[in-house]
Amino acid sequence: GKAMLIDFNYDTEPLPGKFPLPGIGPFSLLEETAVNHWGKLGFKWVYWNVLLMGEELPLDHRMLMAGKEA
């Protein structure tokens, strides 16, 4: 399977690039990839076993421009 990852906010249009590590990824923004699909499947576990238990993710909630192809 494949999935698409979109990182956006209401001030900035979605941009292509890499997430969460700028230039490295492993996820590609605005592209259908198998890695994005595996990330989606992994996030399902994180949602049910981490977020719903009240734990926080160690990710910044703000959209960063690093790694984006503007």
PDB file of N, CA and C in Angstrom:
ATOM      1  N   GLY A   1       0.807  -1.178   0.000  1.00  0.00           N
ATOM      2  CA  GLY A   1       0.000   0.000   0.000  1.00  0.00           C
ATOM      3  C   GLY A   1       0.859   1.255   0.000  1.00  0.00           C
ATOM      4  N   LYS A   2       0.214   2.348  -0.292  1.00  0.00           N
ATOM      5  CA  LYS A   2       0.880   3.646  -0.293  1.00  0.00           C
ATOM      6  C   LYS A   2       0.018   4.643   0.467  1.00  0.00           C
ATOM      7  N   ALA A   3       0.645   5.687   0.974  1.00  0.00           N
ATOM      8  CA  ALA A   3      -0.071   6.749   1.674  1.00  0.00           C
ATOM      9  C   ALA A   3       0.615   8.070   1.383  1.00  0.00           C
ATOM     10  N   MET A   4      -0.123   9.168   1.582  1.00  0.00           N
ATOM     11  CA  MET A   4       0.412  10.507   1.367  1.00  0.00           C
ATOM     12  C   MET A   4       0.416  11.242   2.707  1.00  0.00           C
ATOM     13  N   LEU A   5       1.485  11.958   2.996  1.00  0.00           N
ATOM     14  CA  LEU A   5       1.627  12.727   4.226  1.00  0.00           C
ATOM     15  C   LEU A   5       1.590  14.207   3.881  1.00  0.00           C
ATOM     16  N   ILE A   6       0.746  14.961   4.594  1.00  0.00           N
ATOM     17  CA  ILE A   6       0.627  16.398   4.353  1.00  0.00           C
ATOM     18  C   ILE A   6       0.860  17.126   5.672  1.00  0.00           C
ATOM     19  N   ASP A   7       1.822  18.037   5.702  1.00  0.00           N
ATOM     20  CA  ASP A   7       2.127  18.867   6.868  1.00  0.00           C
ATOM     21  C   ASP A   7       1.697  20.281   6.508  1.00  0.00           C
ATOM     22  N   PHE A   8       0.675  20.806   7.190  1.00  0.00           N
ATOM     23  CA  PHE A   8       0.173  22.129   6.828  1.00  0.00           C
ATOM     24  C   PHE A   8      -0.363  22.845   8.058  1.00  0.00           C
ATOM     25  N   ASN A   9      -0.566  24.137   7.903  1.00  0.00           N
ATOM     26  CA  ASN A   9      -1.331  24.925   8.856  1.00  0.00           C
ATOM     27  C   ASN A   9      -2.172  25.904   8.049  1.00  0.00           C
ATOM     28  N   TYR A  10      -2.905  26.777   8.703  1.00  0.00           N
ATOM     29  CA  TYR A  10      -3.813  27.659   7.972  1.00  0.00           C
ATOM     30  C   TYR A  10      -3.134  28.905   7.435  1.00  0.00           C
ATOM     31  N   ASP A  11      -1.844  29.074   7.702  1.00  0.00           N
ATOM     32  CA  ASP A  11      -1.095  30.217   7.175  1.00  0.00           C
ATOM     33  C   ASP A  11      -0.198  29.840   6.004  1.00  0.00           C
ATOM     34  N   THR A  12       0.123  28.558   5.843  1.00  0.00           N
ATOM     35  CA  THR A  12       1.075  28.104   4.833  1.00  0.00           C
ATOM     36  C   THR A  12       0.474  26.969   4.015  1.00  0.00           C
ATOM     37  N   GLU A  13       0.597  27.060   2.700  1.00  0.00           N
ATOM     38  CA  GLU A  13       0.146  25.979   1.822  1.00  0.00           C
ATOM     39  C   GLU A  13       1.000  24.731   2.066  1.00  0.00           C
ATOM     40  N   PRO A  14       0.454  23.541   1.840  1.00  0.00           N
ATOM     41  CA  PRO A  14       1.276  22.333   1.934  1.00  0.00           C
ATOM     42  C   PRO A  14       2.440  22.391   0.943  1.00  0.00           C
ATOM     43  N   LEU A  15       3.618  21.980   1.383  1.00  0.00           N
ATOM     44  CA  LEU A  15       4.822  22.019   0.554  1.00  0.00           C
ATOM     45  C   LEU A  15       5.462  20.637   0.501  1.00  0.00           C
ATOM     46  N   PRO A  16       6.110  20.297  -0.619  1.00  0.00           N
ATOM     47  CA  PRO A  16       6.845  19.033  -0.665  1.00  0.00           C
ATOM     48  C   PRO A  16       8.103  19.121   0.198  1.00  0.00           C
ATOM     49  N   GLY A  17       8.625  17.988   0.583  1.00  0.00           N
ATOM     50  CA  GLY A  17       9.844  17.956   1.390  1.00  0.00           C
ATOM     51  C   GLY A  17       9.938  16.654   2.149  1.00  0.00           C
ATOM     52  N   LYS A  18      10.696  16.657   3.238  1.00  0.00           N
ATOM     53  CA  LYS A  18      10.906  15.472   4.074  1.00  0.00           C
ATOM     54  C   LYS A  18      10.473  15.774   5.503  1.00  0.00           C
ATOM     55  N   PHE A  19      10.007  14.744   6.225  1.00  0.00           N
ATOM     56  CA  PHE A  19       9.518  14.889   7.589  1.00  0.00           C
ATOM     57  C   PHE A  19       9.890  13.632   8.359  1.00  0.00           C
ATOM     58  N   PRO A  20      10.243  13.645   9.600  1.00  0.00           N
ATOM     59  CA  PRO A  20      10.435  14.772  10.493  1.00  0.00           C
ATOM     60  C   PRO A  20      11.853  15.338  10.468  1.00  0.00           C
ATOM     61  N   LEU A  21      12.804  14.614   9.869  1.00  0.00           N
ATOM     62  CA  LEU A  21      14.178  15.119   9.810  1.00  0.00           C
ATOM     63  C   LEU A  21      14.401  15.825   8.480  1.00  0.00           C
ATOM     64  N   PRO A  22      14.678  17.135   8.491  1.00  0.00           N
ATOM     65  CA  PRO A  22      14.843  17.892   7.245  1.00  0.00           C
ATOM     66  C   PRO A  22      15.878  17.267   6.311  1.00  0.00           C
ATOM     67  N   GLY A  23      15.477  17.043   5.064  1.00  0.00           N
ATOM     68  CA  GLY A  23      16.372  16.499   4.059  1.00  0.00           C
ATOM     69  C   GLY A  23      16.592  14.997   4.132  1.00  0.00           C
ATOM     70  N   ILE A  24      16.242  14.380   5.250  1.00  0.00           N
ATOM     71  CA  ILE A  24      16.481  12.946   5.448  1.00  0.00           C
ATOM     72  C   ILE A  24      15.168  12.167   5.453  1.00  0.00           C
ATOM     73  N   GLY A  25      14.187  12.694   6.162  1.00  0.00           N
ATOM     74  CA  GLY A  25      12.888  12.023   6.213  1.00  0.00           C
ATOM     75  C   GLY A  25      12.723  11.206   7.476  1.00  0.00           C
ATOM     76  N   PRO A  26      12.239  10.038   7.383  1.00  0.00           N
ATOM     77  CA  PRO A  26      12.099   9.175   6.212  1.00  0.00           C
ATOM     78  C   PRO A  26      10.817   9.393   5.419  1.00  0.00           C
ATOM     79  N   PHE A  27       9.908  10.239   5.925  1.00  0.00           N
ATOM     80  CA  PHE A  27       8.629  10.429   5.245  1.00  0.00           C
ATOM     81  C   PHE A  27       8.721  11.534   4.203  1.00  0.00           C
ATOM     82  N   SER A  28       8.092  11.317   3.050  1.00  0.00           N
ATOM     83  CA  SER A  28       8.056  12.311   1.980  1.00  0.00           C
ATOM     84  C   SER A  28       6.720  13.038   2.028  1.00  0.00           C
ATOM     85  N   LEU A  29       6.765  14.367   2.013  1.00  0.00           N
ATOM     86  CA  LEU A  29       5.548  15.167   2.030  1.00  0.00           C
ATOM     87  C   LEU A  29       4.995  15.309   0.619  1.00  0.00           C
ATOM     88  N   LEU A  30       3.686  15.218   0.492  1.00  0.00           N
ATOM     89  CA  LEU A  30       2.956  15.366  -0.771  1.00  0.00           C
ATOM     90  C   LEU A  30       3.353  14.331  -1.818  1.00  0.00           C
ATOM     91  N   GLU A  31       3.782  13.164  -1.388  1.00  0.00           N
ATOM     92  CA  GLU A  31       4.100  12.061  -2.297  1.00  0.00           C
ATOM     93  C   GLU A  31       3.494  10.778  -1.740  1.00  0.00           C
ATOM     94  N   GLU A  32       2.978   9.934  -2.629  1.00  0.00           N
ATOM     95  CA  GLU A  32       2.512   8.614  -2.223  1.00  0.00           C
ATOM     96  C   GLU A  32       3.706   7.679  -2.156  1.00  0.00           C
ATOM     97  N   THR A  33       4.000   7.173  -0.963  1.00  0.00           N
ATOM     98  CA  THR A  33       5.123   6.244  -0.825  1.00  0.00           C
ATOM     99  C   THR A  33       4.747   5.095   0.104  1.00  0.00           C
ATOM    100  N   ALA A  34       5.458   3.995  -0.051  1.00  0.00           N
ATOM    101  CA  ALA A  34       5.252   2.850   0.832  1.00  0.00           C
ATOM    102  C   ALA A  34       5.695   3.181   2.258  1.00  0.00           C
ATOM    103  N   VAL A  35       6.753   3.991   2.399  1.00  0.00           N
ATOM    104  CA  VAL A  35       7.226   4.378   3.741  1.00  0.00           C
ATOM    105  C   VAL A  35       6.142   5.174   4.466  1.00  0.00           C
ATOM    106  N   ASN A  36       5.464   6.075   3.766  1.00  0.00           N
ATOM    107  CA  ASN A  36       4.362   6.820   4.381  1.00  0.00           C
ATOM    108  C   ASN A  36       3.250   5.866   4.824  1.00  0.00           C
ATOM    109  N   HIS A  37       2.999   4.822   4.032  1.00  0.00           N
ATOM    110  CA  HIS A  37       1.979   3.829   4.385  1.00  0.00           C
ATOM    111  C   HIS A  37       2.359   3.118   5.684  1.00  0.00           C
ATOM    112  N   TRP A  38       3.634   2.706   5.793  1.00  0.00           N
ATOM    113  CA  TRP A  38       4.079   2.043   7.022  1.00  0.00           C
ATOM    114  C   TRP A  38       4.003   2.995   8.208  1.00  0.00           C
ATOM    115  N   GLY A  39       4.298   4.275   7.973  1.00  0.00           N
ATOM    116  CA  GLY A  39       4.164   5.268   9.034  1.00  0.00           C
ATOM    117  C   GLY A  39       2.731   5.412   9.502  1.00  0.00           C
ATOM    118  N   LYS A  40       1.798   5.377   8.558  1.00  0.00           N
ATOM    119  CA  LYS A  40       0.375   5.451   8.903  1.00  0.00           C
ATOM    120  C   LYS A  40      -0.029   4.259   9.760  1.00  0.00           C
ATOM    121  N   LEU A  41       0.428   3.079   9.380  1.00  0.00           N
ATOM    122  CA  LEU A  41       0.106   1.882  10.164  1.00  0.00           C
ATOM    123  C   LEU A  41       0.715   1.961  11.562  1.00  0.00           C
ATOM    124  N   GLY A  42       1.941   2.475  11.658  1.00  0.00           N
ATOM    125  CA  GLY A  42       2.570   2.645  12.964  1.00  0.00           C
ATOM    126  C   GLY A  42       1.854   3.679  13.810  1.00  0.00           C
ATOM    127  N   PHE A  43       1.350   4.740  13.175  1.00  0.00           N
ATOM    128  CA  PHE A  43       0.653   5.776  13.927  1.00  0.00           C
ATOM    129  C   PHE A  43      -0.645   5.251  14.521  1.00  0.00           C
ATOM    130  N   LYS A  44      -1.261   4.285  13.875  1.00  0.00           N
ATOM    131  CA  LYS A  44      -2.486   3.700  14.431  1.00  0.00           C
ATOM    132  C   LYS A  44      -2.194   3.136  15.824  1.00  0.00           C
ATOM    133  N   TRP A  45      -1.060   2.419  15.966  1.00  0.00           N
ATOM    134  CA  TRP A  45      -0.676   1.883  17.267  1.00  0.00           C
ATOM    135  C   TRP A  45      -0.405   3.017  18.250  1.00  0.00           C
ATOM    136  N   VAL A  46       0.319   4.051  17.809  1.00  0.00           N
ATOM    137  CA  VAL A  46       0.632   5.198  18.672  1.00  0.00           C
ATOM    138  C   VAL A  46      -0.658   5.865  19.138  1.00  0.00           C
ATOM    139  N   TYR A  47      -1.618   6.025  18.246  1.00  0.00           N
ATOM    140  CA  TYR A  47      -2.889   6.661  18.606  1.00  0.00           C
ATOM    141  C   TYR A  47      -3.579   5.893  19.728  1.00  0.00           C
ATOM    142  N   TRP A  48      -3.747   4.591  19.543  1.00  0.00           N
ATOM    143  CA  TRP A  48      -4.490   3.797  20.513  1.00  0.00           C
ATOM    144  C   TRP A  48      -3.722   3.536  21.802  1.00  0.00           C
ATOM    145  N   ASN A  49      -2.409   3.455  21.760  1.00  0.00           N
ATOM    146  CA  ASN A  49      -1.629   3.050  22.928  1.00  0.00           C
ATOM    147  C   ASN A  49      -0.848   4.167  23.602  1.00  0.00           C
ATOM    148  N   VAL A  50      -0.749   5.327  22.969  1.00  0.00           N
ATOM    149  CA  VAL A  50      -0.006   6.438  23.562  1.00  0.00           C
ATOM    150  C   VAL A  50      -0.913   7.655  23.735  1.00  0.00           C
ATOM    151  N   LEU A  51      -1.458   8.167  22.643  1.00  0.00           N
ATOM    152  CA  LEU A  51      -2.249   9.399  22.718  1.00  0.00           C
ATOM    153  C   LEU A  51      -3.511   9.236  23.565  1.00  0.00           C
ATOM    154  N   LEU A  52      -4.240   8.143  23.375  1.00  0.00           N
ATOM    155  CA  LEU A  52      -5.465   7.955  24.156  1.00  0.00           C
ATOM    156  C   LEU A  52      -5.190   7.673  25.627  1.00  0.00           C
ATOM    157  N   MET A  53      -3.958   7.319  25.967  1.00  0.00           N
ATOM    158  CA  MET A  53      -3.574   7.109  27.363  1.00  0.00           C
ATOM    159  C   MET A  53      -3.105   8.408  28.017  1.00  0.00           C
ATOM    160  N   GLY A  54      -3.119   9.503  27.249  1.00  0.00           N
ATOM    161  CA  GLY A  54      -2.755  10.801  27.803  1.00  0.00           C
ATOM    162  C   GLY A  54      -1.280  11.137  27.721  1.00  0.00           C
ATOM    163  N   GLU A  55      -0.497  10.308  27.062  1.00  0.00           N
ATOM    164  CA  GLU A  55       0.931  10.583  26.906  1.00  0.00           C
ATOM    165  C   GLU A  55       1.144  11.586  25.776  1.00  0.00           C
ATOM    166  N   GLU A  56       2.257  12.304  25.822  1.00  0.00           N
ATOM    167  CA  GLU A  56       2.575  13.267  24.776  1.00  0.00           C
ATOM    168  C   GLU A  56       3.609  12.689  23.823  1.00  0.00           C
ATOM    169  N   LEU A  57       3.518  13.085  22.559  1.00  0.00           N
ATOM    170  CA  LEU A  57       4.527  12.697  21.577  1.00  0.00           C
ATOM    171  C   LEU A  57       5.704  13.659  21.679  1.00  0.00           C
ATOM    172  N   PRO A  58       6.928  13.180  21.479  1.00  0.00           N
ATOM    173  CA  PRO A  58       8.096  14.069  21.557  1.00  0.00           C
ATOM    174  C   PRO A  58       8.321  14.832  20.250  1.00  0.00           C
ATOM    175  N   LEU A  59       7.252  15.354  19.656  1.00  0.00           N
ATOM    176  CA  LEU A  59       7.332  16.128  18.417  1.00  0.00           C
ATOM    177  C   LEU A  59       6.804  17.529  18.670  1.00  0.00           C
ATOM    178  N   ASP A  60       7.387  18.502  18.008  1.00  0.00           N
ATOM    179  CA  ASP A  60       6.930  19.884  18.122  1.00  0.00           C
ATOM    180  C   ASP A  60       5.596  20.032  17.401  1.00  0.00           C
ATOM    181  N   HIS A  61       4.653  20.727  18.007  1.00  0.00           N
ATOM    182  CA  HIS A  61       3.333  20.890  17.404  1.00  0.00           C
ATOM    183  C   HIS A  61       3.297  21.993  16.344  1.00  0.00           C
ATOM    184  N   ARG A  62       4.342  22.801  16.274  1.00  0.00           N
ATOM    185  CA  ARG A  62       4.375  23.887  15.287  1.00  0.00           C
ATOM    186  C   ARG A  62       4.919  23.387  13.955  1.00  0.00           C
ATOM    187  N   MET A  63       4.397  23.931  12.865  1.00  0.00           N
ATOM    188  CA  MET A  63       4.902  23.570  11.538  1.00  0.00           C
ATOM    189  C   MET A  63       6.235  24.264  11.322  1.00  0.00           C
ATOM    190  N   LEU A  64       7.261  23.483  11.025  1.00  0.00           N
ATOM    191  CA  LEU A  64       8.585  24.035  10.768  1.00  0.00           C
ATOM    192  C   LEU A  64       8.832  24.067   9.264  1.00  0.00           C
ATOM    193  N   MET A  65       9.546  25.076   8.789  1.00  0.00           N
ATOM    194  CA  MET A  65       9.847  25.171   7.363  1.00  0.00           C
ATOM    195  C   MET A  65      11.099  24.375   6.995  1.00  0.00           C
ATOM    196  N   ALA A  66      11.868  23.936   7.978  1.00  0.00           N
ATOM    197  CA  ALA A  66      13.059  23.123   7.700  1.00  0.00           C
ATOM    198  C   ALA A  66      12.627  21.823   7.033  1.00  0.00           C
ATOM    199  N   GLY A  67      13.273  21.473   5.949  1.00  0.00           N
ATOM    200  CA  GLY A  67      12.946  20.261   5.219  1.00  0.00           C
ATOM    201  C   GLY A  67      11.903  20.442   4.143  1.00  0.00           C
ATOM    202  N   LYS A  68      11.291  21.617   4.090  1.00  0.00           N
ATOM    203  CA  LYS A  68      10.275  21.899   3.075  1.00  0.00           C
ATOM    204  C   LYS A  68      10.934  22.505   1.844  1.00  0.00           C
ATOM    205  N   GLU A  69      10.426  22.182   0.673  1.00  0.00           N
ATOM    206  CA  GLU A  69      10.927  22.738  -0.581  1.00  0.00           C
ATOM    207  C   GLU A  69      10.029  23.901  -0.978  1.00  0.00           C
ATOM    208  N   ALA A  70      10.395  25.102  -0.559  1.00  0.00           N
ATOM    209  CA  ALA A  70       9.550  26.282  -0.811  1.00  0.00           C
ATOM    210  C   ALA A  70       9.786  26.870  -2.181  1.00  0.00           C
TER     211      ALA A  70
END
